[in-house]
Amino acid sequence: GMKKNMDNKYLESAILLARLYGIAETLNPWVYLENEKFISLIKEWADEFQSMENGDILKFFESKIESKTE
């Protein structure tokens, strides 16, 4: 029911954010994140994105990495 849909949306967001991060990482000379730190970052972002009403995941991701690339 409702919970399963939420879990799926959360998972999809997390996977998309992780993919976007992976792509962005190859374009930027970022410090390598250990798996544990990477996973908690993605969870944090997925949680935040989930709480937004119909957010645009690309815009959301861009706003997150803007601070990293400055």
N, C-alpha and C. Protein backbone atom coordinates (compact mmCIF):
# COMPACT_ATOMS: atom_id res chain seq x y z
N GLY A 1 0.82 -1.20 0.00
CA GLY A 1 0.00 0.00 0.00
C GLY A 1 0.86 1.26 0.00
N MET A 2 0.44 2.21 0.81
CA MET A 2 1.07 3.52 0.88
C MET A 2 2.55 3.42 1.25
N LYS A 3 2.87 2.61 2.26
CA LYS A 3 4.25 2.49 2.73
C LYS A 3 5.17 1.97 1.64
N LYS A 4 4.69 0.96 0.89
CA LYS A 4 5.50 0.39 -0.16
C LYS A 4 5.82 1.41 -1.25
N ASN A 5 4.83 2.22 -1.61
CA ASN A 5 5.06 3.28 -2.58
C ASN A 5 6.10 4.27 -2.11
N MET A 6 6.03 4.61 -0.83
CA MET A 6 7.00 5.53 -0.24
C MET A 6 8.39 4.92 -0.32
N ASP A 7 8.51 3.64 0.03
CA ASP A 7 9.80 2.96 0.00
C ASP A 7 10.36 2.93 -1.41
N ASN A 8 9.51 2.65 -2.39
CA ASN A 8 9.95 2.62 -3.78
C ASN A 8 10.44 3.98 -4.24
N LYS A 9 9.68 5.02 -3.90
CA LYS A 9 10.05 6.38 -4.28
C LYS A 9 11.37 6.75 -3.62
N TYR A 10 11.53 6.37 -2.36
CA TYR A 10 12.76 6.65 -1.63
C TYR A 10 13.94 5.96 -2.30
N LEU A 11 13.75 4.70 -2.62
CA LEU A 11 14.80 3.91 -3.25
C LEU A 11 15.18 4.48 -4.61
N GLU A 12 14.16 4.83 -5.39
CA GLU A 12 14.42 5.41 -6.71
C GLU A 12 15.20 6.71 -6.58
N SER A 13 14.82 7.54 -5.63
CA SER A 13 15.54 8.80 -5.40
C SER A 13 16.98 8.54 -5.02
N ALA A 14 17.17 7.60 -4.09
CA ALA A 14 18.52 7.30 -3.62
C ALA A 14 19.39 6.78 -4.76
N ILE A 15 18.84 5.90 -5.58
CA ILE A 15 19.60 5.34 -6.70
C ILE A 15 19.94 6.42 -7.72
N LEU A 16 18.96 7.25 -8.05
CA LEU A 16 19.21 8.34 -9.00
C LEU A 16 20.25 9.31 -8.48
N LEU A 17 20.14 9.67 -7.21
CA LEU A 17 21.11 10.60 -6.63
C LEU A 17 22.50 10.00 -6.63
N ALA A 18 22.59 8.71 -6.34
CA ALA A 18 23.89 8.04 -6.34
C ALA A 18 24.49 8.02 -7.75
N ARG A 19 23.66 7.78 -8.75
CA ARG A 19 24.13 7.78 -10.14
C ARG A 19 24.59 9.17 -10.55
N LEU A 20 23.79 10.17 -10.21
CA LEU A 20 24.14 11.55 -10.54
C LEU A 20 25.46 11.92 -9.86
N TYR A 21 25.60 11.51 -8.61
CA TYR A 21 26.82 11.81 -7.88
C TYR A 21 28.01 11.15 -8.56
N GLY A 22 27.82 9.91 -8.97
CA GLY A 22 28.90 9.19 -9.65
C GLY A 22 29.34 9.88 -10.93
N ILE A 23 28.37 10.39 -11.67
CA ILE A 23 28.68 11.11 -12.91
C ILE A 23 29.41 12.41 -12.58
N ALA A 24 28.86 13.17 -11.64
CA ALA A 24 29.45 14.45 -11.26
C ALA A 24 30.86 14.27 -10.72
N GLU A 25 31.07 13.15 -10.02
CA GLU A 25 32.37 12.86 -9.42
C GLU A 25 33.46 12.71 -10.48
N THR A 26 33.08 12.17 -11.64
CA THR A 26 34.08 11.99 -12.70
C THR A 26 34.42 13.33 -13.36
N LEU A 27 33.53 14.31 -13.21
CA LEU A 27 33.74 15.62 -13.83
C LEU A 27 34.41 16.61 -12.88
N ASN A 28 34.40 16.29 -11.61
CA ASN A 28 34.97 17.19 -10.61
C ASN A 28 36.04 16.47 -9.79
N PRO A 29 37.12 17.17 -9.48
CA PRO A 29 38.19 16.54 -8.69
C PRO A 29 37.85 16.50 -7.20
N TRP A 30 36.76 15.81 -6.86
CA TRP A 30 36.34 15.74 -5.48
C TRP A 30 37.16 14.73 -4.70
N VAL A 31 37.19 14.95 -3.39
CA VAL A 31 37.82 13.98 -2.51
C VAL A 31 36.96 12.72 -2.52
N TYR A 32 37.62 11.58 -2.62
CA TYR A 32 36.90 10.31 -2.64
C TYR A 32 36.21 10.08 -1.30
N LEU A 33 34.93 9.72 -1.36
CA LEU A 33 34.18 9.44 -0.14
C LEU A 33 34.19 7.94 0.14
N GLU A 34 34.53 7.57 1.36
CA GLU A 34 34.43 6.18 1.77
C GLU A 34 32.97 5.75 1.65
N ASN A 35 32.75 4.46 1.42
CA ASN A 35 31.39 3.95 1.23
C ASN A 35 30.43 4.39 2.32
N GLU A 36 30.87 4.28 3.57
CA GLU A 36 29.99 4.62 4.69
C GLU A 36 29.53 6.07 4.62
N LYS A 37 30.47 6.96 4.35
CA LYS A 37 30.15 8.39 4.25
C LYS A 37 29.27 8.66 3.04
N PHE A 38 29.57 7.99 1.94
CA PHE A 38 28.80 8.15 0.71
C PHE A 38 27.36 7.72 0.93
N ILE A 39 27.20 6.54 1.55
CA ILE A 39 25.86 6.01 1.80
C ILE A 39 25.06 6.93 2.71
N SER A 40 25.69 7.45 3.76
CA SER A 40 24.92 8.32 4.65
C SER A 40 24.58 9.64 3.97
N LEU A 41 25.45 10.12 3.09
CA LEU A 41 25.15 11.33 2.32
C LEU A 41 23.95 11.11 1.41
N ILE A 42 23.96 10.00 0.68
CA ILE A 42 22.86 9.69 -0.23
C ILE A 42 21.54 9.50 0.54
N LYS A 43 21.61 8.82 1.69
CA LYS A 43 20.41 8.64 2.52
C LYS A 43 19.85 9.98 2.96
N GLU A 44 20.75 10.86 3.39
CA GLU A 44 20.37 12.18 3.84
C GLU A 44 19.66 12.93 2.71
N TRP A 45 20.25 12.92 1.54
CA TRP A 45 19.68 13.60 0.38
C TRP A 45 18.34 12.98 -0.03
N ALA A 46 18.28 11.65 -0.04
CA ALA A 46 17.04 10.96 -0.43
C ALA A 46 15.92 11.29 0.56
N ASP A 47 16.26 11.35 1.85
CA ASP A 47 15.28 11.73 2.87
C ASP A 47 14.76 13.13 2.60
N GLU A 48 15.68 14.03 2.36
CA GLU A 48 15.32 15.43 2.13
C GLU A 48 14.47 15.56 0.87
N PHE A 49 14.89 14.88 -0.19
CA PHE A 49 14.16 14.96 -1.45
C PHE A 49 12.76 14.39 -1.32
N GLN A 50 12.65 13.30 -0.56
CA GLN A 50 11.37 12.64 -0.33
C GLN A 50 10.37 13.58 0.34
N SER A 51 10.86 14.45 1.20
CA SER A 51 9.96 15.35 1.94
C SER A 51 9.49 16.52 1.09
N MET A 52 10.06 16.69 -0.10
CA MET A 52 9.64 17.76 -0.99
C MET A 52 8.45 17.31 -1.82
N GLU A 53 7.53 18.21 -2.06
CA GLU A 53 6.38 17.89 -2.91
C GLU A 53 6.81 17.99 -4.36
N ASN A 54 6.74 16.88 -5.08
CA ASN A 54 7.06 16.87 -6.50
C ASN A 54 8.32 17.67 -6.87
N GLY A 55 9.37 17.46 -6.10
CA GLY A 55 10.61 18.15 -6.40
C GLY A 55 11.23 17.65 -7.69
N ASP A 56 12.04 18.47 -8.31
CA ASP A 56 12.79 18.09 -9.50
C ASP A 56 14.13 17.56 -9.03
N ILE A 57 14.37 16.28 -9.24
CA ILE A 57 15.57 15.65 -8.67
C ILE A 57 16.86 16.24 -9.22
N LEU A 58 16.85 16.65 -10.47
CA LEU A 58 18.05 17.25 -11.04
C LEU A 58 18.37 18.60 -10.42
N LYS A 59 17.33 19.42 -10.26
CA LYS A 59 17.52 20.73 -9.63
C LYS A 59 17.97 20.53 -8.18
N PHE A 60 17.36 19.57 -7.52
CA PHE A 60 17.71 19.28 -6.13
C PHE A 60 19.19 18.88 -6.04
N PHE A 61 19.59 17.96 -6.91
CA PHE A 61 20.98 17.50 -6.91
C PHE A 61 21.95 18.65 -7.19
N GLU A 62 21.61 19.46 -8.17
CA GLU A 62 22.47 20.60 -8.51
C GLU A 62 22.63 21.56 -7.34
N SER A 63 21.55 21.79 -6.61
CA SER A 63 21.64 22.67 -5.45
C SER A 63 22.53 22.06 -4.37
N LYS A 64 22.53 20.73 -4.28
CA LYS A 64 23.35 20.05 -3.29
C LYS A 64 24.84 20.12 -3.63
N ILE A 65 25.16 20.00 -4.92
CA ILE A 65 26.58 19.96 -5.27
C ILE A 65 27.17 21.35 -5.54
N GLU A 66 26.30 22.36 -5.66
CA GLU A 66 26.82 23.71 -5.88
C GLU A 66 27.79 24.10 -4.77
N SER A 67 27.43 23.77 -3.54
CA SER A 67 28.28 24.10 -2.41
C SER A 67 29.61 23.34 -2.45
N LYS A 68 29.57 22.13 -3.04
CA LYS A 68 30.79 21.31 -3.14
C LYS A 68 31.77 21.86 -4.17
N THR A 69 31.23 22.45 -5.24
CA THR A 69 32.09 22.84 -6.35
C THR A 69 32.59 24.28 -6.27
N GLU A 70 32.11 25.01 -5.27
CA GLU A 70 32.54 26.41 -5.16
C GLU A 70 33.92 26.51 -4.56
